Amino acid sequence: MSGVAAIVAAARRDGAAGALDGVSERHAAADTGEEALNAFLAFDVEPAREAAAEVDRRLEAGEDLQLAGVPVAIKDNICTTEFDTTCGSRILEGYRSPYDATVIRKLRAAGALIVGKTNMDEFAMGSSTEHSAYGVTRNPLDRERVPGGSSGGSAAAVAAGIVPAALGSETGGSVRQPAAFCGVVGTKPTYGRVSRYGLVAFASSLDQVGTFGRTVQDAGRLLQVVAGPDRFDSTCEDRPAIEWDAERGLDGMVVGLPEEFFAGDLDAGVSAACEAAIEAMREAGAELRPVSLPSSMHGINTYYVIAPAEASSNLARFDGVRYGPRAEADGTERLYVATRSMGFGAEVKRRIMLGTYALSAGHYDAYYTRAQAARARIAEEFDRVFADGVDVLFTPTTPTPAFRIGEKEDPYQMYLADVFTVGANLAGVPAISLPIGRSDGLPVGGQFIAPRWGEGVMLEAAGALERLLGGVS
């Protein structure tokens, strides 16, 4: 029985509060000392204990709660009423949302217990969780290395065993990449599958809430709970619920292998783990089919025009008037400048400037219009491959395992950590990362990408490979 299923069974048998007994101890062990993980920006189990009492009452009344008593951590760009929502930024320090995000309301309705908010790259702009205003998060498997980003706190909290599941967010790979670095499972749904209401916007046409778990079953169950239509998010579509056969194997499944994802400068350990996974799938009866997605290798360049452009618009609201701290200055313009200079970190400022430049007169067509055309071509190539009979694509999640803290000083080298993940965001298709092996003792992630609304087959393929590999972590 998977971790989440075991907790739910225990909650039905012994009461929901029991699941919280070890959470504080595990948090204290992991998040204190000189090499503290720094996975959480806010942590408090007392509100969860109160919620657990209500879960017990609902169970006694006969309700069937999918996540009864499951402790869940939440990335700090998802609004909650009992914890501050800072987005890892000084400009939102002390901000408390007056409402819960839709995904939080769905978690509560399913009986989950919210225990804290996790660290992240400021406003989700980063690939290492080194760009938080509240300190670096460390990888629990090697504390000299990054956990990935921007959802590094959530990935680290699950990998360290503090919680069995967590929510993160994805704009260009910010769930799957840290899942790969930390040796856990991370899902990114189809754009429009999960409500973004209450998710602080970075790039609105790309942002998605995703899930973390120790197993495919756990991450999938969490995704199943938070998915569904929402009247507060016009981009969230009313689709049939996510269903999958947890026992389905790979026999007869057509797995596409995009040649561009295996042709680059892959770490030797990543390459070996992928080859072993491919061979295991072949022996299990999968049809392995070479395919081509030539435009996907332009994904990083495309993403770093579109995402900063949307960010420069979305972050204009943070001006020191309506949210968070305010700098002292004479006049409105100086107030804005002083507050943003004080409140935003270097990476956020860099991306705002990139986006403003791409949208400016004389550059809009040269950059933003061309990037949107490239995005459309990337999406068309994914659609073509799936229309040709491919059920899922398999690729490495990242070109290397987790790198050392401080190693990537060049921003472009940092951006390349997401070279295999941004395509799914640009195309709006679902994807999942799961552990498939090790490279010099560090986790390696493998990625399945499915057609739009294909979360079911994605979870079936990932679950089957997980069983073949024996639950590598």
Foldseek 3Di string as FASTA:
>chain_A
DFPQVVLLVCCLVPFLCVLLVCLVVLQVVQQDDPLHQQFFPDFDCVVLNVLRVVLSVVSVVPDQALRANFEEEEALQFADQVDQRQQLWQLFPPHHDPDGFLLVVLCSVSRYGYGGHTQFARNFQFFFSCRGPVHAGAAPLDSQFGLTHRSSSRLRCCLSVSGFKYKDKDQQCRFQLSCQQNFWKKKFAFFQFADCGRRQDQQVLQMDMMMIGRALVVRVSSSQRRTADDPVHPSRDHDDGADADLPDAQAPAEAEEAPVQLPDQFDPFLNVLLVVLVVLSVVRHHHYHYDHQPLLLCLLLLSLARRLLRNLVSCVVSQCPPHHHWDDDPDRVVRRVVSCVVIDDDSNVVSNVSNCVCCDPPNVCVRVVVSLVSLVSLLVRVVVVVVVPHFKYKHWQFRYHTDGVPPCPDVVVRSNRSSPRRSCSSNSWMKMWHFRDDDVSTTTIMMITGGHVSVHVRSNHRSNSCVSRVSGD
